[in-house]
């Protein structure tokens, strides 16, 4: 349709208007609902927990494969490959632990989730989540904070020293 001019308003301002047809869109419901719980900050050497929740929204049991790989910023704790079947309308909560080994703004390793039945990647492999990792608190500072006197006359509870473990070697 060609552009046309029309007059608007009390001042007679002219506005150009053009209409065109958009291509057809094929809208489908998603087979899976996926949500994440990811940390935004952490401390060097301290455990960070990543959680992925997958919900099967199809009417069939689906076989899924989740794989996880380390990167140069974090070490991974747990299963690196997990195969499971998810019935319709059921959800699976997958929890992973990583330990940051670099400070600053680092990328967390993201899991890869594949629907084995349809060979469809469900989590974008290029997706990245950045977390800010602070340096580890020095042991001397931590001990000083624990033994510091209470402020403004409050009583300070004295804690007993940590238990010492004794191990017996079995022959």
C-alpha atoms as a PDB file:
ATOM      1  CA  UNK A   1       0.000   0.000   0.000  1.00  0.00           C
ATOM      2  CA  UNK A   2       1.502   3.355  -0.920  1.00  0.00           C
ATOM      3  CA  UNK A   3       2.183   6.009   1.679  1.00  0.00           C
ATOM      4  CA  UNK A   4      -0.518   8.597   2.144  1.00  0.00           C
ATOM      5  CA  UNK A   5      -0.599  11.976   3.837  1.00  0.00           C
ATOM      6  CA  UNK A   6      -3.308  13.149   6.150  1.00  0.00           C
ATOM      7  CA  UNK A   7      -3.815  16.349   8.098  1.00  0.00           C
ATOM      8  CA  UNK A   8      -3.993  16.168  11.920  1.00  0.00           C
ATOM      9  CA  UNK A   9      -4.516  18.625  14.699  1.00  0.00           C
ATOM     10  CA  UNK A  10      -5.498  22.276  14.846  1.00  0.00           C
ATOM     11  CA  UNK A  11      -2.260  23.414  13.183  1.00  0.00           C
ATOM     12  CA  UNK A  12      -2.768  21.168  10.184  1.00  0.00           C
ATOM     13  CA  UNK A  13       0.426  19.154  10.737  1.00  0.00           C
ATOM     14  CA  UNK A  14       0.918  16.477   8.117  1.00  0.00           C
ATOM     15  CA  UNK A  15       1.793  12.895   9.090  1.00  0.00           C
ATOM     16  CA  UNK A  16       3.010  10.187   6.721  1.00  0.00           C
ATOM     17  CA  UNK A  17       1.415   6.792   7.232  1.00  0.00           C
ATOM     18  CA  UNK A  18       2.284   3.473   5.586  1.00  0.00           C
ATOM     19  CA  UNK A  19       0.745   0.033   6.079  1.00  0.00           C
ATOM     20  CA  UNK A  20       2.252  -3.288   5.061  1.00  0.00           C
ATOM     21  CA  UNK A  21       1.419  -6.911   5.755  1.00  0.00           C
ATOM     22  CA  UNK A  22       3.719  -8.845   8.106  1.00  0.00           C
ATOM     23  CA  UNK A  23       4.781 -12.409   7.352  1.00  0.00           C
ATOM     24  CA  UNK A  24       2.828 -15.210   8.999  1.00  0.00           C
ATOM     25  CA  UNK A  25       4.119 -16.277  12.414  1.00  0.00           C
ATOM     26  CA  UNK A  26       3.972 -19.864  13.628  1.00  0.00           C
ATOM     27  CA  UNK A  27       3.517 -19.666  17.417  1.00  0.00           C
ATOM     28  CA  UNK A  28       3.909 -22.909  19.348  1.00  0.00           C
ATOM     29  CA  UNK A  29       3.993 -23.657  23.019  1.00  0.00           C
ATOM     30  CA  UNK A  30       7.365 -24.651  24.409  1.00  0.00           C
ATOM     31  CA  UNK A  31       7.983 -28.323  25.154  1.00  0.00           C
ATOM     32  CA  UNK A  32       9.923 -27.506  28.321  1.00  0.00           C
ATOM     33  CA  UNK A  33       9.929 -24.720  30.873  1.00  0.00           C
ATOM     34  CA  UNK A  34      13.428 -24.045  32.173  1.00  0.00           C
ATOM     35  CA  UNK A  35      14.370 -21.757  35.044  1.00  0.00           C
ATOM     36  CA  UNK A  36      17.674 -20.997  36.756  1.00  0.00           C
ATOM     37  CA  UNK A  37      18.822 -19.890  40.172  1.00  0.00           C
ATOM     38  CA  UNK A  38      22.290 -18.444  39.752  1.00  0.00           C
ATOM     39  CA  UNK A  39      24.408 -16.470  42.231  1.00  0.00           C
ATOM     40  CA  UNK A  40      25.509 -12.929  41.426  1.00  0.00           C
ATOM     41  CA  UNK A  41      28.500 -12.826  43.743  1.00  0.00           C
ATOM     42  CA  UNK A  42      30.781 -15.147  45.674  1.00  0.00           C
ATOM     43  CA  UNK A  43      34.072 -15.484  47.492  1.00  0.00           C
ATOM     44  CA  UNK A  44      37.241 -17.141  46.202  1.00  0.00           C
ATOM     45  CA  UNK A  45      37.279 -20.797  47.228  1.00  0.00           C
ATOM     46  CA  UNK A  46      33.723 -20.729  48.627  1.00  0.00           C
ATOM     47  CA  UNK A  47      31.020 -23.006  47.242  1.00  0.00           C
ATOM     48  CA  UNK A  48      28.451 -21.503  44.844  1.00  0.00           C
ATOM     49  CA  UNK A  49      25.228 -23.374  44.076  1.00  0.00           C
ATOM     50  CA  UNK A  50      23.583 -23.352  40.634  1.00  0.00           C
ATOM     51  CA  UNK A  51      20.058 -24.713  40.248  1.00  0.00           C
ATOM     52  CA  UNK A  52      18.268 -25.610  37.008  1.00  0.00           C
ATOM     53  CA  UNK A  53      14.574 -26.583  37.053  1.00  0.00           C
ATOM     54  CA  UNK A  54      13.165 -28.381  33.992  1.00  0.00           C
ATOM     55  CA  UNK A  55       9.410 -28.949  33.529  1.00  0.00           C
ATOM     56  CA  UNK A  56       8.089 -31.279  30.811  1.00  0.00           C
ATOM     57  CA  UNK A  57       5.133 -29.544  29.140  1.00  0.00           C
ATOM     58  CA  UNK A  58       4.566 -32.256  26.529  1.00  0.00           C
ATOM     59  CA  UNK A  59       2.225 -35.241  26.713  1.00  0.00           C
ATOM     60  CA  UNK A  60       5.062 -37.755  26.383  1.00  0.00           C
ATOM     61  CA  UNK A  61       7.869 -39.040  28.561  1.00  0.00           C
ATOM     62  CA  UNK A  62      11.070 -37.330  27.386  1.00  0.00           C
ATOM     63  CA  UNK A  63      14.657 -38.515  27.759  1.00  0.00           C
ATOM     64  CA  UNK A  64      17.055 -35.721  28.641  1.00  0.00           C
ATOM     65  CA  UNK A  65      20.820 -35.499  28.979  1.00  0.00           C
ATOM     66  CA  UNK A  66      22.481 -32.808  31.022  1.00  0.00           C
ATOM     67  CA  UNK A  67      26.225 -32.291  30.747  1.00  0.00           C
ATOM     68  CA  UNK A  68      28.430 -29.897  32.615  1.00  0.00           C
ATOM     69  CA  UNK A  69      32.009 -28.854  31.965  1.00  0.00           C
ATOM     70  CA  UNK A  70      34.435 -26.745  33.947  1.00  0.00           C
ATOM     71  CA  UNK A  71      35.920 -23.517  32.722  1.00  0.00           C
ATOM     72  CA  UNK A  72      39.107 -21.675  33.644  1.00  0.00           C
ATOM     73  CA  UNK A  73      37.360 -19.696  36.397  1.00  0.00           C
ATOM     74  CA  UNK A  74      35.608 -22.417  38.414  1.00  0.00           C
ATOM     75  CA  UNK A  75      35.988 -26.003  39.552  1.00  0.00           C
ATOM     76  CA  UNK A  76      32.942 -28.227  39.375  1.00  0.00           C
ATOM     77  CA  UNK A  77      31.676 -30.508  42.166  1.00  0.00           C
ATOM     78  CA  UNK A  78      29.247 -33.284  41.266  1.00  0.00           C
ATOM     79  CA  UNK A  79      28.069 -35.307  38.292  1.00  0.00           C
ATOM     80  CA  UNK A  80      29.248 -34.018  34.933  1.00  0.00           C
ATOM     81  CA  UNK A  81      26.810 -36.144  32.916  1.00  0.00           C
ATOM     82  CA  UNK A  82      23.260 -36.965  33.961  1.00  0.00           C
ATOM     83  CA  UNK A  83      20.665 -38.912  31.934  1.00  0.00           C
ATOM     84  CA  UNK A  84      17.069 -38.877  33.110  1.00  0.00           C
ATOM     85  CA  UNK A  85      13.510 -39.362  31.891  1.00  0.00           C
ATOM     86  CA  UNK A  86      10.869 -36.776  32.636  1.00  0.00           C
ATOM     87  CA  UNK A  87       7.152 -37.734  32.561  1.00  0.00           C
ATOM     88  CA  UNK A  88       4.554 -35.216  31.317  1.00  0.00           C
ATOM     89  CA  UNK A  89       3.815 -32.332  33.715  1.00  0.00           C
ATOM     90  CA  UNK A  90       6.697 -33.369  36.003  1.00  0.00           C
ATOM     91  CA  UNK A  91       9.712 -31.295  36.941  1.00  0.00           C
ATOM     92  CA  UNK A  92      13.313 -32.128  37.764  1.00  0.00           C
ATOM     93  CA  UNK A  93      15.452 -29.864  39.930  1.00  0.00           C
ATOM     94  CA  UNK A  94      19.162 -30.173  39.216  1.00  0.00           C
ATOM     95  CA  UNK A  95      21.648 -28.631  41.619  1.00  0.00           C
ATOM     96  CA  UNK A  96      25.337 -28.117  40.912  1.00  0.00           C
ATOM     97  CA  UNK A  97      28.157 -26.776  43.031  1.00  0.00           C
ATOM     98  CA  UNK A  98      31.085 -24.793  41.672  1.00  0.00           C
ATOM     99  CA  UNK A  99      34.079 -23.301  43.442  1.00  0.00           C
ATOM    100  CA  UNK A 100      35.523 -20.091  41.961  1.00  0.00           C
ATOM    101  CA  UNK A 101      39.303 -20.149  41.559  1.00  0.00           C
ATOM    102  CA  UNK A 102      39.710 -16.633  40.104  1.00  0.00           C
ATOM    103  CA  UNK A 103      38.669 -13.261  41.482  1.00  0.00           C
ATOM    104  CA  UNK A 104      36.847 -10.466  39.704  1.00  0.00           C
ATOM    105  CA  UNK A 105      34.031 -10.740  37.186  1.00  0.00           C
ATOM    106  CA  UNK A 106      34.081 -14.351  35.943  1.00  0.00           C
ATOM    107  CA  UNK A 107      31.751 -16.471  33.838  1.00  0.00           C
ATOM    108  CA  UNK A 108      30.059 -19.418  35.490  1.00  0.00           C
ATOM    109  CA  UNK A 109      30.124 -22.653  33.526  1.00  0.00           C
ATOM    110  CA  UNK A 110      26.650 -23.249  32.079  1.00  0.00           C
ATOM    111  CA  UNK A 111      25.144 -26.726  31.747  1.00  0.00           C
ATOM    112  CA  UNK A 112      24.100 -28.142  28.384  1.00  0.00           C
ATOM    113  CA  UNK A 113      20.665 -29.768  28.287  1.00  0.00           C
ATOM    114  CA  UNK A 114      19.682 -31.963  25.347  1.00  0.00           C
ATOM    115  CA  UNK A 115      16.341 -33.630  24.659  1.00  0.00           C
ATOM    116  CA  UNK A 116      17.568 -37.006  23.407  1.00  0.00           C
ATOM    117  CA  UNK A 117      14.211 -37.877  21.772  1.00  0.00           C
ATOM    118  CA  UNK A 118      14.189 -34.820  19.487  1.00  0.00           C
ATOM    119  CA  UNK A 119      17.940 -33.960  19.484  1.00  0.00           C
ATOM    120  CA  UNK A 120      17.059 -30.430  20.569  1.00  0.00           C
ATOM    121  CA  UNK A 121      19.395 -28.279  22.661  1.00  0.00           C
ATOM    122  CA  UNK A 122      17.246 -26.791  25.433  1.00  0.00           C
ATOM    123  CA  UNK A 123      19.855 -24.490  26.969  1.00  0.00           C
ATOM    124  CA  UNK A 124      21.749 -22.199  24.645  1.00  0.00           C
ATOM    125  CA  UNK A 125      25.379 -23.322  24.667  1.00  0.00           C
ATOM    126  CA  UNK A 126      26.570 -19.745  24.175  1.00  0.00           C
ATOM    127  CA  UNK A 127      24.632 -18.441  27.213  1.00  0.00           C
ATOM    128  CA  UNK A 128      26.928 -17.026  29.859  1.00  0.00           C
ATOM    129  CA  UNK A 129      26.291 -15.783  33.378  1.00  0.00           C
ATOM    130  CA  UNK A 130      28.781 -13.482  35.038  1.00  0.00           C
ATOM    131  CA  UNK A 131      29.389 -13.498  38.787  1.00  0.00           C
ATOM    132  CA  UNK A 132      31.650 -11.213  40.813  1.00  0.00           C
ATOM    133  CA  UNK A 133      34.112 -13.175  42.961  1.00  0.00           C
ATOM    134  CA  UNK A 134      35.720 -11.394  45.922  1.00  0.00           C
ATOM    135  CA  UNK A 135      39.086 -12.442  47.342  1.00  0.00           C
ATOM    136  CA  UNK A 136      39.044 -14.941  50.199  1.00  0.00           C
ATOM    137  CA  UNK A 137      38.975 -13.479  53.694  1.00  0.00           C
ATOM    138  CA  UNK A 138      42.417 -13.931  55.292  1.00  0.00           C
ATOM    139  CA  UNK A 139      42.438 -16.349  58.235  1.00  0.00           C
ATOM    140  CA  UNK A 140      43.989 -13.743  60.574  1.00  0.00           C
ATOM    141  CA  UNK A 141      41.183 -11.263  59.837  1.00  0.00           C
ATOM    142  CA  UNK A 142      38.521 -13.912  60.387  1.00  0.00           C
ATOM    143  CA  UNK A 143      40.020 -14.838  63.783  1.00  0.00           C
ATOM    144  CA  UNK A 144      40.230 -11.164  64.768  1.00  0.00           C
ATOM    145  CA  UNK A 145      36.547 -10.603  63.921  1.00  0.00           C
ATOM    146  CA  UNK A 146      35.546 -13.648  65.970  1.00  0.00           C
ATOM    147  CA  UNK A 147      37.472 -12.521  69.078  1.00  0.00           C
ATOM    148  CA  UNK A 148      36.678  -8.777  68.843  1.00  0.00           C
ATOM    149  CA  UNK A 149      34.902  -7.361  71.923  1.00  0.00           C
ATOM    150  CA  UNK A 150      31.246  -6.432  71.656  1.00  0.00           C
ATOM    151  CA  UNK A 151      30.360  -2.833  70.882  1.00  0.00           C
ATOM    152  CA  UNK A 152      28.455  -0.494  73.249  1.00  0.00           C
ATOM    153  CA  UNK A 153      28.707  -2.579  76.407  1.00  0.00           C
ATOM    154  CA  UNK A 154      26.961  -5.719  75.119  1.00  0.00           C
ATOM    155  CA  UNK A 155      28.099  -9.016  76.578  1.00  0.00           C
ATOM    156  CA  UNK A 156      30.302 -11.115  74.308  1.00  0.00           C
ATOM    157  CA  UNK A 157      29.839 -14.870  74.468  1.00  0.00           C
ATOM    158  CA  UNK A 158      33.064 -16.842  74.486  1.00  0.00           C
ATOM    159  CA  UNK A 159      32.991 -19.909  72.282  1.00  0.00           C
ATOM    160  CA  UNK A 160      34.937 -23.078  73.103  1.00  0.00           C
ATOM    161  CA  UNK A 161      37.907 -23.965  70.872  1.00  0.00           C
ATOM    162  CA  UNK A 162      37.068 -26.223  67.906  1.00  0.00           C
ATOM    163  CA  UNK A 163      37.088 -29.938  68.572  1.00  0.00           C
ATOM    164  CA  UNK A 164      40.198 -31.803  67.587  1.00  0.00           C
ATOM    165  CA  UNK A 165      39.498 -34.941  65.642  1.00  0.00           C
ATOM    166  CA  UNK A 166      41.451 -38.038  66.495  1.00  0.00           C
ATOM    167  CA  UNK A 167      41.697 -40.774  63.918  1.00  0.00           C
ATOM    168  CA  UNK A 168      42.618 -44.383  64.522  1.00  0.00           C
ATOM    169  CA  UNK A 169      44.313 -46.255  61.723  1.00  0.00           C
ATOM    170  CA  UNK A 170      42.748 -49.623  61.052  1.00  0.00           C
ATOM    171  CA  UNK A 171      45.203 -52.353  60.070  1.00  0.00           C
END
